[in-house]
Amino acid sequence: MNGLLPDIRCAVRQLHKSPSFLVVVVLSLALGIAANSTIFSGLNAALYRPMPYQHPERLVAIWETEPSHPEATQAPIPTAKSSWVPLGRGGGRAAKAGWYG
């Protein structure tokens, strides 16, 4: 601790002598902290929190293809839900989480 206090005093004196450098330092710290918290919030919501479903491993994505172009997929039309052929025997329920196109 004996060596830290004089170093802090010297740093404060130097920052007080050049206010423009002080502004750059404060803005750089603020920008870095804001970017860090923004990235963490996005990752926390997308990756770290559990999904709000009882069995998230059973979720599936449904895509439609045309027989002439099987490699091209597209999001299904929401009104065509009644024409889907049930593919599984799970007897699960369907819920609309979002339509991605």
N, C-alpha and C. Protein backbone atom coordinates (compact mmCIF):
# COMPACT_ATOMS: atom_id res chain seq x y z
N MET A 1 0.81 -1.20 0.00
CA MET A 1 0.00 0.00 0.00
C MET A 1 0.85 1.26 0.00
N ASN A 2 2.07 1.18 0.50
CA ASN A 2 2.91 2.38 0.56
C ASN A 2 3.24 2.90 -0.83
N GLY A 3 3.42 2.00 -1.81
CA GLY A 3 3.77 2.45 -3.14
C GLY A 3 2.58 2.83 -3.99
N LEU A 4 1.39 2.41 -3.59
CA LEU A 4 0.20 2.67 -4.38
C LEU A 4 -0.31 4.10 -4.21
N LEU A 5 -0.30 4.62 -3.01
CA LEU A 5 -0.84 5.95 -2.74
C LEU A 5 -0.08 7.06 -3.49
N PRO A 6 1.25 7.06 -3.50
CA PRO A 6 1.93 8.09 -4.30
C PRO A 6 1.67 7.95 -5.80
N ASP A 7 1.50 6.72 -6.27
CA ASP A 7 1.19 6.53 -7.69
C ASP A 7 -0.18 7.11 -8.04
N ILE A 8 -1.15 6.91 -7.17
CA ILE A 8 -2.49 7.45 -7.41
C ILE A 8 -2.46 8.98 -7.39
N ARG A 9 -1.71 9.55 -6.44
CA ARG A 9 -1.59 11.01 -6.38
C ARG A 9 -0.96 11.56 -7.65
N CYS A 10 0.08 10.89 -8.14
CA CYS A 10 0.75 11.34 -9.37
C CYS A 10 -0.19 11.25 -10.57
N ALA A 11 -0.97 10.16 -10.64
CA ALA A 11 -1.92 9.99 -11.75
C ALA A 11 -3.00 11.07 -11.71
N VAL A 12 -3.51 11.37 -10.54
CA VAL A 12 -4.54 12.42 -10.41
C VAL A 12 -3.97 13.77 -10.79
N ARG A 13 -2.72 14.06 -10.37
CA ARG A 13 -2.08 15.33 -10.75
C ARG A 13 -1.91 15.44 -12.26
N GLN A 14 -1.48 14.37 -12.89
CA GLN A 14 -1.28 14.39 -14.34
C GLN A 14 -2.61 14.56 -15.08
N LEU A 15 -3.65 13.87 -14.62
CA LEU A 15 -4.96 14.02 -15.26
C LEU A 15 -5.52 15.42 -15.04
N HIS A 16 -5.23 16.02 -13.90
CA HIS A 16 -5.70 17.38 -13.61
C HIS A 16 -4.99 18.40 -14.49
N LYS A 17 -3.76 18.13 -14.87
CA LYS A 17 -2.99 19.06 -15.72
C LYS A 17 -3.51 19.09 -17.15
N SER A 18 -4.01 17.96 -17.65
CA SER A 18 -4.52 17.94 -19.03
C SER A 18 -5.96 17.42 -19.03
N PRO A 19 -6.92 18.34 -18.99
CA PRO A 19 -8.33 17.93 -18.92
C PRO A 19 -8.81 17.23 -20.19
N SER A 20 -8.22 17.51 -21.32
CA SER A 20 -8.65 16.84 -22.55
C SER A 20 -8.32 15.34 -22.48
N PHE A 21 -7.17 15.01 -21.94
CA PHE A 21 -6.82 13.60 -21.78
C PHE A 21 -7.75 12.93 -20.77
N LEU A 22 -8.14 13.67 -19.73
CA LEU A 22 -9.08 13.15 -18.74
C LEU A 22 -10.42 12.82 -19.40
N VAL A 23 -10.89 13.69 -20.29
CA VAL A 23 -12.15 13.44 -20.99
C VAL A 23 -12.04 12.19 -21.85
N VAL A 24 -10.91 12.03 -22.57
CA VAL A 24 -10.71 10.84 -23.40
C VAL A 24 -10.69 9.58 -22.55
N VAL A 25 -10.02 9.64 -21.41
CA VAL A 25 -9.95 8.47 -20.52
C VAL A 25 -11.34 8.10 -20.00
N VAL A 26 -12.09 9.08 -19.54
CA VAL A 26 -13.42 8.82 -18.99
C VAL A 26 -14.37 8.30 -20.07
N LEU A 27 -14.33 8.90 -21.25
CA LEU A 27 -15.19 8.43 -22.35
C LEU A 27 -14.80 7.02 -22.81
N SER A 28 -13.51 6.72 -22.85
CA SER A 28 -13.08 5.38 -23.23
C SER A 28 -13.55 4.34 -22.22
N LEU A 29 -13.43 4.65 -20.94
CA LEU A 29 -13.92 3.73 -19.92
C LEU A 29 -15.44 3.55 -20.02
N ALA A 30 -16.16 4.65 -20.22
CA ALA A 30 -17.62 4.56 -20.31
C ALA A 30 -18.04 3.73 -21.52
N LEU A 31 -17.39 3.95 -22.65
CA LEU A 31 -17.73 3.20 -23.85
C LEU A 31 -17.41 1.72 -23.69
N GLY A 32 -16.28 1.41 -23.07
CA GLY A 32 -15.92 0.01 -22.84
C GLY A 32 -16.87 -0.69 -21.90
N ILE A 33 -17.26 -0.03 -20.84
CA ILE A 33 -18.20 -0.62 -19.88
C ILE A 33 -19.58 -0.81 -20.53
N ALA A 34 -20.02 0.18 -21.30
CA ALA A 34 -21.32 0.07 -21.97
C ALA A 34 -21.33 -1.07 -22.99
N ALA A 35 -20.26 -1.19 -23.77
CA ALA A 35 -20.19 -2.27 -24.76
C ALA A 35 -20.16 -3.62 -24.07
N ASN A 36 -19.41 -3.74 -22.99
CA ASN A 36 -19.32 -4.99 -22.27
C ASN A 36 -20.67 -5.40 -21.70
N SER A 37 -21.39 -4.47 -21.09
CA SER A 37 -22.68 -4.82 -20.50
C SER A 37 -23.72 -5.12 -21.59
N THR A 38 -23.64 -4.45 -22.73
CA THR A 38 -24.57 -4.73 -23.82
C THR A 38 -24.35 -6.13 -24.39
N ILE A 39 -23.11 -6.48 -24.62
CA ILE A 39 -22.79 -7.81 -25.15
C ILE A 39 -23.19 -8.89 -24.15
N PHE A 40 -22.91 -8.67 -22.86
CA PHE A 40 -23.28 -9.66 -21.87
C PHE A 40 -24.79 -9.82 -21.78
N SER A 41 -25.54 -8.72 -21.86
CA SER A 41 -27.00 -8.81 -21.79
C SER A 41 -27.55 -9.62 -22.96
N GLY A 42 -27.01 -9.39 -24.16
CA GLY A 42 -27.45 -10.16 -25.31
C GLY A 42 -27.12 -11.64 -25.19
N LEU A 43 -25.91 -11.94 -24.77
CA LEU A 43 -25.52 -13.34 -24.61
C LEU A 43 -26.28 -14.01 -23.48
N ASN A 44 -26.54 -13.28 -22.41
CA ASN A 44 -27.28 -13.84 -21.30
C ASN A 44 -28.69 -14.22 -21.74
N ALA A 45 -29.34 -13.36 -22.50
CA ALA A 45 -30.70 -13.65 -22.96
C ALA A 45 -30.73 -14.78 -23.97
N ALA A 46 -29.71 -14.86 -24.84
CA ALA A 46 -29.74 -15.85 -25.92
C ALA A 46 -29.15 -17.20 -25.54
N LEU A 47 -28.11 -17.22 -24.74
CA LEU A 47 -27.39 -18.47 -24.51
C LEU A 47 -27.44 -19.00 -23.09
N TYR A 48 -27.40 -18.14 -22.11
CA TYR A 48 -27.20 -18.61 -20.75
C TYR A 48 -28.48 -18.93 -20.00
N ARG A 49 -29.55 -18.22 -20.27
CA ARG A 49 -30.81 -18.50 -19.59
C ARG A 49 -31.46 -19.74 -20.19
N PRO A 50 -32.09 -20.56 -19.37
CA PRO A 50 -32.81 -21.71 -19.93
C PRO A 50 -34.04 -21.23 -20.71
N MET A 51 -34.42 -22.00 -21.70
CA MET A 51 -35.58 -21.64 -22.50
C MET A 51 -36.85 -21.78 -21.66
N PRO A 52 -37.86 -20.97 -21.93
CA PRO A 52 -39.07 -21.00 -21.10
C PRO A 52 -40.03 -22.14 -21.48
N TYR A 53 -39.50 -23.32 -21.74
CA TYR A 53 -40.30 -24.50 -22.06
C TYR A 53 -39.88 -25.63 -21.15
N GLN A 54 -40.79 -26.57 -20.90
CA GLN A 54 -40.47 -27.67 -20.01
C GLN A 54 -39.42 -28.60 -20.61
N HIS A 55 -39.50 -28.88 -21.89
CA HIS A 55 -38.56 -29.78 -22.56
C HIS A 55 -37.98 -29.09 -23.80
N PRO A 56 -37.01 -28.20 -23.63
CA PRO A 56 -36.50 -27.47 -24.79
C PRO A 56 -35.80 -28.37 -25.81
N GLU A 57 -35.36 -29.55 -25.43
CA GLU A 57 -34.72 -30.45 -26.39
C GLU A 57 -35.72 -31.03 -27.38
N ARG A 58 -37.00 -30.87 -27.13
CA ARG A 58 -38.03 -31.40 -28.03
C ARG A 58 -38.52 -30.35 -29.03
N LEU A 59 -38.00 -29.14 -28.99
CA LEU A 59 -38.42 -28.09 -29.93
C LEU A 59 -37.89 -28.38 -31.32
N VAL A 60 -38.66 -28.07 -32.31
CA VAL A 60 -38.26 -28.27 -33.70
C VAL A 60 -38.57 -27.01 -34.50
N ALA A 61 -37.89 -26.88 -35.62
CA ALA A 61 -38.18 -25.81 -36.58
C ALA A 61 -38.83 -26.43 -37.80
N ILE A 62 -39.88 -25.82 -38.29
CA ILE A 62 -40.61 -26.35 -39.43
C ILE A 62 -40.33 -25.46 -40.64
N TRP A 63 -39.92 -26.09 -41.73
CA TRP A 63 -39.65 -25.39 -42.99
C TRP A 63 -40.39 -26.09 -44.10
N GLU A 64 -40.75 -25.36 -45.12
CA GLU A 64 -41.40 -25.92 -46.29
C GLU A 64 -40.41 -25.93 -47.45
N THR A 65 -40.54 -26.94 -48.30
CA THR A 65 -39.74 -27.01 -49.52
C THR A 65 -40.66 -27.33 -50.69
N GLU A 66 -40.23 -26.94 -51.86
CA GLU A 66 -40.96 -27.30 -53.07
C GLU A 66 -40.35 -28.59 -53.62
N PRO A 67 -41.16 -29.49 -54.15
CA PRO A 67 -40.61 -30.74 -54.69
C PRO A 67 -39.60 -30.52 -55.81
N SER A 68 -39.76 -29.45 -56.58
CA SER A 68 -38.83 -29.21 -57.67
C SER A 68 -37.50 -28.62 -57.19
N HIS A 69 -37.49 -28.00 -56.01
CA HIS A 69 -36.28 -27.41 -55.43
C HIS A 69 -36.16 -27.84 -53.97
N PRO A 70 -35.74 -29.07 -53.69
CA PRO A 70 -35.70 -29.52 -52.29
C PRO A 70 -34.62 -28.84 -51.45
N GLU A 71 -33.64 -28.21 -52.08
CA GLU A 71 -32.58 -27.56 -51.30
C GLU A 71 -33.00 -26.17 -50.80
N ALA A 72 -34.03 -25.60 -51.39
CA ALA A 72 -34.49 -24.27 -51.00
C ALA A 72 -35.58 -24.41 -49.93
N THR A 73 -35.32 -23.86 -48.77
CA THR A 73 -36.31 -23.90 -47.70
C THR A 73 -36.88 -22.52 -47.47
N GLN A 74 -38.11 -22.48 -46.99
CA GLN A 74 -38.76 -21.22 -46.66
C GLN A 74 -39.65 -21.43 -45.45
N ALA A 75 -39.93 -20.36 -44.77
CA ALA A 75 -40.81 -20.45 -43.61
C ALA A 75 -42.22 -20.78 -44.07
N PRO A 76 -42.93 -21.60 -43.32
CA PRO A 76 -44.30 -21.96 -43.74
C PRO A 76 -45.26 -20.79 -43.59
N ILE A 77 -46.30 -20.84 -44.37
CA ILE A 77 -47.34 -19.83 -44.29
C ILE A 77 -48.20 -20.15 -43.07
N PRO A 78 -48.43 -19.19 -42.17
CA PRO A 78 -49.18 -19.49 -40.95
C PRO A 78 -50.59 -20.02 -41.20
N THR A 79 -51.23 -19.62 -42.30
CA THR A 79 -52.60 -20.10 -42.56
C THR A 79 -52.62 -21.53 -43.07
N ALA A 80 -51.47 -22.07 -43.49
CA ALA A 80 -51.41 -23.43 -44.01
C ALA A 80 -51.14 -24.45 -42.91
N LYS A 81 -51.27 -24.06 -41.67
CA LYS A 81 -50.97 -24.94 -40.55
C LYS A 81 -51.85 -26.19 -40.55
N SER A 82 -53.09 -26.06 -41.00
CA SER A 82 -53.99 -27.21 -40.98
C SER A 82 -53.62 -28.27 -42.02
N SER A 83 -52.84 -27.90 -43.02
CA SER A 83 -52.47 -28.86 -44.06
C SER A 83 -51.17 -29.60 -43.75
N TRP A 84 -50.54 -29.33 -42.63
CA TRP A 84 -49.30 -30.02 -42.28
C TRP A 84 -49.60 -31.46 -41.91
N VAL A 85 -48.74 -32.33 -42.33
CA VAL A 85 -48.87 -33.75 -42.00
C VAL A 85 -48.13 -33.99 -40.70
N PRO A 86 -48.77 -34.59 -39.70
CA PRO A 86 -48.05 -34.86 -38.45
C PRO A 86 -46.90 -35.84 -38.70
N LEU A 87 -45.71 -35.45 -38.30
CA LEU A 87 -44.53 -36.27 -38.56
C LEU A 87 -44.15 -37.14 -37.38
N GLY A 88 -44.58 -36.81 -36.21
CA GLY A 88 -44.15 -37.56 -35.04
C GLY A 88 -45.31 -38.19 -34.31
N ARG A 89 -44.99 -39.08 -33.40
CA ARG A 89 -46.01 -39.74 -32.61
C ARG A 89 -46.02 -39.22 -31.18
N GLY A 90 -45.39 -38.10 -30.95
CA GLY A 90 -45.25 -37.60 -29.59
C GLY A 90 -46.54 -37.07 -28.99
N GLY A 91 -47.49 -36.69 -29.82
CA GLY A 91 -48.73 -36.15 -29.30
C GLY A 91 -48.55 -34.80 -28.63
N GLY A 92 -47.49 -34.09 -28.97
CA GLY A 92 -47.23 -32.80 -28.34
C GLY A 92 -48.10 -31.71 -28.90
N ARG A 93 -48.04 -30.58 -28.26
CA ARG A 93 -48.82 -29.44 -28.71
C ARG A 93 -47.93 -28.51 -29.52
N ALA A 94 -48.54 -27.74 -30.38
CA ALA A 94 -47.81 -26.78 -31.20
C ALA A 94 -48.10 -25.38 -30.67
N ALA A 95 -47.08 -24.57 -30.63
CA ALA A 95 -47.23 -23.17 -30.24
C ALA A 95 -46.45 -22.32 -31.21
N LYS A 96 -47.02 -21.19 -31.56
CA LYS A 96 -46.35 -20.28 -32.48
C LYS A 96 -45.38 -19.42 -31.69
N ALA A 97 -44.07 -19.64 -31.93
CA ALA A 97 -43.07 -18.84 -31.26
C ALA A 97 -42.64 -17.68 -32.13
N GLY A 98 -42.69 -17.83 -33.42
CA GLY A 98 -42.28 -16.78 -34.32
C GLY A 98 -42.12 -17.34 -35.72
N TRP A 99 -42.29 -16.51 -36.70
CA TRP A 99 -42.16 -16.96 -38.09
C TRP A 99 -40.95 -16.25 -38.67
N TYR A 100 -40.01 -17.01 -39.15
CA TYR A 100 -38.78 -16.47 -39.71
C TYR A 100 -38.75 -16.74 -41.19
N GLY A 101 -38.49 -15.72 -41.96
CA GLY A 101 -38.47 -15.89 -43.40
C GLY A 101 -37.15 -15.55 -44.01
